[in-house]
Each structure stands twice: as C-alpha cells, then as structure tokens.
Amino acid sequence: MKPTTNPTRQFRHILDVRGLLMRAYHGTTDTQTPTRGEAGFVAFLERYLLPILEDAAPVDIVSCWDGGNNLRASLFPGYKAKRTAKNQNPDAEAKAVFVEIEKMQRLAKNFLASLGCIQARVEGVEADDLIAYIVRGMGKPGCQVHTVDQDLAQLEGTFCTVNVEGSEAKVQPNLVALHKSIVGDTSDEYPGVKGVGARGWDLMVDDFGIDGMEELDALARARNLKELVEIAEGSDNKPLQKVAADRQQWLLMYELARLHPDWCEKSQGRGRKKKLTKVTWVKRLPDANKVTRILATCGAEDLYLQVSRFMPTVELITED
C-alpha cells in the first residue's frame, strides 16, 4: 500500500521531527537566542537538519509529524492518558513551556516548507506509523530514519537504517514490539503482562533463546493463541505461563507496541462521520526570503550560508 499521493523521489532521509525537536529543546544550553523555543529550533537545525543537508538536498527529506494517538487510545484508553490529561490542564509553568514548544514547532514547519522539504501528517495517527507507511511504500532500500524513539527500531532491516539517538536498545530491533508487549512501556503508559517485567523477559530469553522469542513474536503477529497455550502447558517457564494465562491482554499490548502502517489508509468513524484517513503531504518551492526571515528571528542569520545553495537563483539574460 503506497502513499495516497506518492512523491516522485526516493527519500534518503525520514525525520521523526517532533521527537528530534523535543530532544533539541531539552538539550539546548543556548542563552543568547531570544526565547527557549527559538533556541530549541536553532539546536534542531545545528544538531540534526544541517548535518543531513551536507550530502543531501531538501527534496531528499520527508519530515513526519504526529497527527494524534486516537487509534491506540481507542484500543487502550490508558495509552498516554496521564500525559494527555496534563496537557489539557497545565499549570502556569507548563503553559509557558507549551507556548515555547508551539513556537519551536511553528518555526520548524515554516522553515522546512520554505527550504523545500516535504512534510507529511495523518490525522489521528502517530508519526511512527506514518514513517512505517512511507518506508513500506518506497519498496527499495536506501533511506535513513532519524528519531529518538526506540519503537522505530522495528523498521531496521526493511528498506532503511534507523538512527535512534540517545537511548540504548534493550533488545534487537525485530523483538521491540514483543518486548514492550510483555514488559510494558512507562513512557506510553501501558503495562504489558502483569507479573512478568524485565526479569521475566530475561528468564524467557534464557530458556528459549532469541530464536524462541522470534517464534513467540510470530505467534503474536498471527494471533495464534492456541499454539501459545500448548507451548506454555508443556513448559515450566513461569513468565511464559503468565503470558499464556493473560493472553488477551498480551495481544492488546502487542497491538499497542507494534507499528501500524495500514492505519494511514483506514476508515475512521461511522455513518455520515465515516471518512478515509489519508496522508496529507505539504510541499512548497524554496523561498530565500522566508528562510532568511526565520533565521533572523532567531538571531541565526549566519546559518543561511549553509542552505543558500538550495535557494532558487535568477539569471539575467541580455543580448550580446
């Protein structure tokens, strides 16, 4: 299933842009840039975007934005529920932070558009699933995914390499979803299988090896609970027995943990409110004036030299 409006170029770089922005925002120590949001935006440029542009053009890049987590929350209402509640009822300090983050994101969206990068979003769908959709739609290797989210490591070895900054992988990429379905994910606020945890995971790996855990992952993908129960009944591994006993919960956790590229073309709602989800692509022609103005707003005019070669030029034609 390819994107609704399939771009004509093979992307070389895919950005999980909000995650990168947030890492830049919280990591900046800049005290010269006028506001924290502007400082975070400049840090994003210097840390992520400009290094990519050293050997790529803006049209080689697609920036993917979160469109919400409606579909996962519909499966499990507790999904990111505390974070959502906090965002809906922020205290004065949190409100000030939100203002700066919104400013940073607005600067990034305008800058990426003015530079000529493609941007993509799907209403109600998280950026992880959109990135998986784009990677699958390209159909051939050659791109890099840039993220701070271990969930996207699941794409490693498909048609891309995945650069996950700042966090050490707990398991190999093809077992990320299985691991989170059993152990849970405190950041995304789902519990996994009760009573198993990290220690139980290690005991399962010790008993069954990586091959055995890959077989368990295949059972989850196939929703083959009958075989799971049969294996658990023939085993004395307590954590596996707990997974089998709470197998419906385990499958639900697996659905939360795995990537869902199909959600980018999915009917949502019912009756007259039913609509087809699709990717919204944003592509603008490069605009030197807008790029310059955005950089000037942040006191980062010196960075223009690093992107000026991507701006259109005007040639005067005169008679000899």
Protein backbone atom coordinates (compact mmCIF):
# COMPACT_ATOMS: atom_id res chain seq x y z
CA MET A 1 0.00 0.00 0.00
CA LYS A 2 1.74 3.18 -1.16
CA PRO A 3 1.10 6.75 -0.05
CA THR A 4 -2.08 8.36 -1.37
CA THR A 5 -0.05 10.96 -3.24
CA ASN A 6 3.19 9.16 -3.84
CA PRO A 7 6.18 11.55 -4.04
CA THR A 8 8.22 11.18 -7.19
CA ARG A 9 11.57 10.90 -5.41
CA GLN A 10 13.04 8.10 -3.33
CA PHE A 11 13.52 9.68 0.08
CA ARG A 12 17.00 9.43 1.53
CA HIS A 13 16.09 10.74 4.97
CA ILE A 14 12.93 10.49 7.07
CA LEU A 15 12.65 12.68 10.16
CA ASP A 16 10.57 11.85 13.23
CA VAL A 17 10.55 15.59 13.54
CA ARG A 18 8.71 16.29 16.81
CA GLY A 19 10.87 13.86 18.75
CA LEU A 20 14.02 15.46 17.35
CA LEU A 21 12.70 18.92 18.18
CA MET A 22 11.90 17.93 21.76
CA ARG A 23 15.35 16.41 22.23
CA ALA A 24 16.88 19.62 20.87
CA TYR A 25 14.63 21.77 23.08
CA HIS A 26 15.52 19.97 26.30
CA GLY A 27 19.19 19.67 25.38
CA THR A 28 19.96 23.25 24.43
CA THR A 29 22.07 25.43 26.72
CA ASP A 30 21.84 28.47 24.46
CA THR A 31 21.35 31.67 26.45
CA GLN A 32 21.83 34.09 23.55
CA THR A 33 18.82 33.23 21.37
CA PRO A 34 15.79 35.40 22.33
CA THR A 35 13.46 32.63 23.58
CA ARG A 36 13.70 28.98 24.58
CA GLY A 37 11.52 27.92 21.65
CA GLU A 38 13.77 29.72 19.20
CA ALA A 39 16.85 28.24 20.87
CA GLY A 40 15.36 24.76 20.53
CA PHE A 41 14.66 25.35 16.85
CA VAL A 42 18.24 26.51 16.19
CA ALA A 43 19.56 23.48 18.10
CA PHE A 44 17.40 21.24 15.88
CA LEU A 45 18.96 22.81 12.80
CA GLU A 46 22.52 22.52 14.05
CA ARG A 47 22.20 19.08 15.58
CA TYR A 48 20.05 17.30 13.01
CA LEU A 49 18.99 19.07 9.83
CA LEU A 50 22.18 20.83 8.73
CA PRO A 51 24.38 17.71 9.09
CA ILE A 52 21.90 15.79 6.91
CA LEU A 53 21.99 18.57 4.30
CA GLU A 54 25.77 18.24 3.97
CA ASP A 55 25.23 15.40 1.49
CA ALA A 56 21.50 15.57 0.72
CA ALA A 57 19.05 18.08 -0.75
CA PRO A 58 15.79 19.25 0.85
CA VAL A 59 13.77 17.22 -1.67
CA ASP A 60 15.51 14.09 -0.35
CA ILE A 61 13.96 14.65 3.08
CA VAL A 62 10.46 13.98 4.40
CA SER A 63 9.54 15.32 7.84
CA CYS A 64 6.81 13.33 9.56
CA TRP A 65 4.54 14.94 12.18
CA ASP A 66 2.30 13.37 14.80
CA GLY A 67 -1.40 13.56 13.99
CA GLY A 68 -2.61 12.34 17.38
CA ASN A 69 -2.96 8.95 19.06
CA ASN A 70 -6.69 8.39 18.55
CA LEU A 71 -6.37 4.85 17.23
CA ARG A 72 -4.16 3.48 20.00
CA ALA A 73 -6.22 5.29 22.65
CA SER A 74 -9.34 3.66 21.21
CA LEU A 75 -7.72 0.25 21.80
CA PHE A 76 -6.48 1.13 25.28
CA PRO A 77 -7.85 4.29 26.94
CA GLY A 78 -4.89 4.41 29.31
CA TYR A 79 -2.49 4.96 26.41
CA LYS A 80 -0.58 8.20 27.19
CA ALA A 81 -3.61 9.17 29.30
CA LYS A 82 -1.71 10.94 32.09
CA ARG A 83 0.33 12.91 29.59
CA THR A 84 -2.84 13.92 27.74
CA ALA A 85 -4.57 14.98 30.95
CA LYS A 86 -1.56 17.03 31.97
CA ASN A 87 -1.50 18.76 28.58
CA GLN A 88 -5.21 19.54 28.83
CA ASN A 89 -4.93 21.01 32.34
CA PRO A 90 -1.46 22.53 32.58
CA ASP A 91 -0.27 24.66 35.47
CA ALA A 92 1.26 28.09 34.83
CA GLU A 93 4.79 26.71 34.39
CA ALA A 94 3.63 24.02 31.96
CA LYS A 95 1.66 26.59 29.96
CA ALA A 96 4.79 28.66 29.49
CA VAL A 97 6.66 25.59 28.25
CA PHE A 98 3.82 24.71 25.84
CA VAL A 99 3.97 28.20 24.36
CA GLU A 100 7.68 27.81 23.67
CA ILE A 101 7.27 24.31 22.21
CA GLU A 102 4.47 25.52 19.92
CA LYS A 103 6.70 28.37 18.79
CA MET A 104 9.55 25.94 18.08
CA GLN A 105 7.29 23.62 16.07
CA ARG A 106 5.83 26.53 14.10
CA LEU A 107 9.33 27.76 13.23
CA ALA A 108 10.34 24.25 12.16
CA LYS A 109 7.27 23.74 9.96
CA ASN A 110 7.72 27.10 8.24
CA PHE A 111 11.44 26.64 7.80
CA LEU A 112 11.17 23.12 6.38
CA ALA A 113 8.48 24.29 3.94
CA SER A 114 10.50 27.36 2.90
CA LEU A 115 13.58 25.20 2.39
CA GLY A 116 11.70 22.85 0.04
CA CYS A 117 11.49 19.78 2.31
CA ILE A 118 8.41 17.59 2.06
CA GLN A 119 6.28 17.28 5.19
CA ALA A 120 3.67 14.63 5.97
CA ARG A 121 0.95 14.06 8.55
CA VAL A 122 -2.06 11.78 9.06
CA GLU A 123 -4.94 12.94 11.26
CA GLY A 124 -5.29 10.68 14.30
CA VAL A 125 -2.14 8.69 13.52
CA GLU A 126 1.24 8.88 15.23
CA ALA A 127 4.39 9.70 13.31
CA ASP A 128 5.80 6.21 13.96
CA ASP A 129 3.04 4.59 11.92
CA LEU A 130 3.33 7.19 9.18
CA ILE A 131 7.07 6.58 8.91
CA ALA A 132 6.47 2.83 8.67
CA TYR A 133 3.93 3.51 5.91
CA ILE A 134 6.34 5.64 3.91
CA VAL A 135 9.20 3.16 4.29
CA ARG A 136 7.00 0.31 3.11
CA GLY A 137 5.69 2.35 0.20
CA MET A 138 9.16 3.12 -1.17
CA GLY A 139 9.75 -0.52 -1.96
CA LYS A 140 13.55 -0.40 -2.08
CA PRO A 141 16.37 0.23 0.38
CA GLY A 142 18.42 3.38 0.72
CA CYS A 143 16.84 5.68 3.30
CA GLN A 144 17.73 6.59 6.86
CA VAL A 145 15.20 7.22 9.62
CA HIS A 146 16.23 9.79 12.23
CA THR A 147 14.46 9.52 15.59
CA VAL A 148 14.82 9.39 19.36
CA ASP A 149 12.15 6.68 19.65
CA GLN A 150 13.15 3.04 20.05
CA ASP A 151 9.76 1.98 18.63
CA LEU A 152 11.03 2.83 15.16
CA ALA A 153 13.91 0.39 15.52
CA GLN A 154 11.34 -2.16 14.35
CA LEU A 155 11.94 -0.85 10.82
CA GLU A 156 15.63 -1.72 10.84
CA GLY A 157 16.45 -4.09 8.03
CA THR A 158 13.33 -3.38 5.95
CA PHE A 159 14.11 -0.68 3.39
CA CYS A 160 16.02 1.58 5.76
CA THR A 161 18.52 2.02 8.53
CA VAL A 162 17.26 3.58 11.76
CA ASN A 163 19.32 6.12 13.68
CA VAL A 164 17.96 6.19 17.25
CA GLU A 165 19.71 8.88 19.24
CA GLY A 166 20.17 8.96 22.97
CA SER A 167 18.81 5.62 24.15
CA GLU A 168 20.43 2.21 24.29
CA ALA A 169 18.49 -0.62 22.69
CA LYS A 170 17.20 -3.16 25.23
CA VAL A 171 16.54 -5.82 22.61
CA GLN A 172 17.27 -6.42 18.95
CA PRO A 173 15.05 -4.48 16.51
CA ASN A 174 12.77 -7.34 15.45
CA LEU A 175 11.84 -8.02 19.09
CA VAL A 176 11.00 -4.46 20.14
CA ALA A 177 7.23 -4.94 19.89
CA LEU A 178 7.32 -8.30 21.68
CA HIS A 179 9.48 -6.91 24.48
CA LYS A 180 7.17 -3.95 25.09
CA SER A 181 4.07 -6.14 24.89
CA ILE A 182 5.39 -8.23 27.78
CA VAL A 183 7.35 -5.71 29.86
CA GLY A 184 5.23 -2.64 29.06
CA ASP A 185 6.21 0.93 28.26
CA THR A 186 6.14 3.51 31.06
CA SER A 187 6.53 6.40 28.64
CA ASP A 188 3.49 5.42 26.57
CA GLU A 189 1.70 4.28 29.74
CA TYR A 190 0.75 0.70 29.01
CA PRO A 191 1.59 -2.07 31.47
CA GLY A 192 2.48 -5.19 29.50
CA VAL A 193 1.67 -8.55 31.10
CA LYS A 194 1.16 -8.32 34.85
CA GLY A 195 3.78 -10.06 36.95
CA VAL A 196 6.36 -10.61 34.22
CA GLY A 197 8.51 -7.49 33.89
CA ALA A 198 12.12 -7.21 32.80
CA ARG A 199 13.23 -10.13 34.98
CA GLY A 200 10.58 -12.39 33.47
CA TRP A 201 11.67 -11.36 29.97
CA ASP A 202 15.26 -12.32 30.79
CA LEU A 203 14.13 -15.70 32.10
CA MET A 204 12.23 -16.35 28.87
CA VAL A 205 15.27 -15.42 26.77
CA ASP A 206 17.47 -17.68 28.93
CA ASP A 207 15.11 -20.63 28.42
CA PHE A 208 14.06 -20.17 24.80
CA GLY A 209 16.86 -18.11 23.23
CA ILE A 210 16.43 -15.45 20.58
CA ASP A 211 15.03 -17.98 18.13
CA GLY A 212 12.33 -18.96 20.58
CA MET A 213 11.42 -15.33 21.25
CA GLU A 214 11.16 -14.75 17.50
CA GLU A 215 8.75 -17.68 17.32
CA LEU A 216 6.70 -16.10 20.11
CA ASP A 217 6.65 -12.84 18.16
CA ALA A 218 5.37 -14.73 15.12
CA LEU A 219 2.54 -16.17 17.25
CA ALA A 220 1.57 -12.67 18.32
CA ARG A 221 1.52 -11.40 14.75
CA ALA A 222 -0.61 -14.36 13.68
CA ARG A 223 -2.76 -14.06 16.83
CA ASN A 224 -2.19 -17.77 17.31
CA LEU A 225 -3.23 -18.16 20.94
CA LYS A 226 -3.95 -21.87 20.65
CA GLU A 227 -0.32 -22.70 19.95
CA LEU A 228 0.82 -20.28 22.66
CA VAL A 229 -1.25 -22.15 25.25
CA GLU A 230 0.05 -25.51 24.05
CA ILE A 231 3.66 -24.36 24.34
CA ALA A 232 3.08 -22.87 27.79
CA GLU A 233 1.40 -26.05 29.05
CA GLY A 234 4.45 -28.05 28.02
CA SER A 235 6.88 -25.65 29.67
CA ASP A 236 7.84 -24.93 33.27
CA ASN A 237 8.78 -21.32 32.42
CA LYS A 238 6.65 -19.24 34.79
CA PRO A 239 6.77 -15.96 32.81
CA LEU A 240 5.59 -17.72 29.64
CA GLN A 241 2.77 -19.31 31.63
CA LYS A 242 1.72 -15.85 32.82
CA VAL A 243 1.72 -14.59 29.23
CA ALA A 244 -0.48 -17.52 28.19
CA ALA A 245 -2.83 -17.04 31.13
CA ASP A 246 -3.25 -13.34 30.31
CA ARG A 247 -3.08 -13.87 26.55
CA GLN A 248 -5.83 -11.42 25.54
CA GLN A 249 -4.08 -8.65 27.48
CA TRP A 250 -0.80 -9.66 25.85
CA LEU A 251 -2.26 -9.39 22.35
CA LEU A 252 -3.69 -5.98 23.18
CA MET A 253 -0.29 -4.80 24.42
CA TYR A 254 1.29 -6.16 21.24
CA GLU A 255 -1.12 -4.13 19.11
CA LEU A 256 -0.10 -1.01 21.02
CA ALA A 257 3.60 -1.76 20.66
CA ARG A 258 3.84 -2.67 17.00
CA LEU A 259 3.85 -0.25 14.08
CA HIS A 260 0.66 0.11 12.02
CA PRO A 261 1.36 1.43 8.51
CA ASP A 262 -2.16 0.33 7.48
CA TRP A 263 -3.63 2.99 9.76
CA CYS A 264 -2.51 5.62 7.25
CA GLU A 265 -5.25 4.43 4.90
CA LYS A 266 -8.04 3.38 7.20
CA SER A 267 -11.72 4.23 7.54
CA GLN A 268 -12.45 6.03 10.81
CA GLY A 269 -15.82 6.81 12.37
CA ARG A 270 -19.26 5.51 11.48
CA GLY A 271 -22.22 6.52 9.38
CA ARG A 272 -22.05 10.05 7.99
CA LYS A 273 -18.94 10.75 10.06
CA LYS A 274 -17.04 7.89 8.43
CA LYS A 275 -14.05 9.06 6.42
CA LEU A 276 -10.94 7.61 4.84
CA THR A 277 -7.72 8.51 6.61
CA LYS A 278 -5.01 9.55 4.20
CA VAL A 279 -1.62 11.20 4.22
CA THR A 280 -1.52 14.98 3.92
CA TRP A 281 1.62 15.98 2.02
CA VAL A 282 2.98 19.53 2.14
CA LYS A 283 5.50 20.64 -0.48
CA ARG A 284 6.49 24.22 -1.19
CA LEU A 285 9.01 25.82 -3.50
CA PRO A 286 12.15 27.08 -1.74
CA ASP A 287 11.86 30.72 -0.65
CA ALA A 288 15.07 32.51 0.24
CA ASN A 289 13.28 35.50 1.76
CA LYS A 290 11.28 33.34 4.17
CA VAL A 291 14.32 31.26 5.14
CA THR A 292 16.30 34.42 5.84
CA ARG A 293 13.48 35.96 7.85
CA ILE A 294 13.02 32.86 10.03
CA LEU A 295 16.74 32.65 10.79
CA ALA A 296 16.89 36.37 11.55
CA THR A 297 14.02 35.99 14.02
CA CYS A 298 16.17 33.55 15.98
CA GLY A 299 19.41 35.51 15.64
CA ALA A 300 20.85 32.73 13.46
CA GLU A 301 21.43 34.60 10.19
CA ASP A 302 24.89 33.04 9.89
CA LEU A 303 23.30 29.65 9.21
CA TYR A 304 21.89 30.88 5.89
CA LEU A 305 25.22 30.22 4.16
CA GLN A 306 24.75 26.51 4.87
CA VAL A 307 21.43 26.36 2.99
CA SER A 308 21.83 29.13 0.40
CA ARG A 309 22.83 26.66 -2.34
CA PHE A 310 19.31 25.20 -2.22
CA MET A 311 17.64 28.53 -2.96
CA PRO A 312 16.48 29.39 -6.48
CA THR A 313 18.58 31.85 -8.41
CA VAL A 314 17.61 34.38 -11.05
CA GLU A 315 19.69 34.64 -14.18
CA LEU A 316 19.60 37.79 -16.26
CA ILE A 317 19.61 37.17 -19.98
CA THR A 318 20.99 40.03 -22.06
CA GLU A 319 21.60 40.44 -25.76
CA ASP A 320 25.20 40.18 -26.87
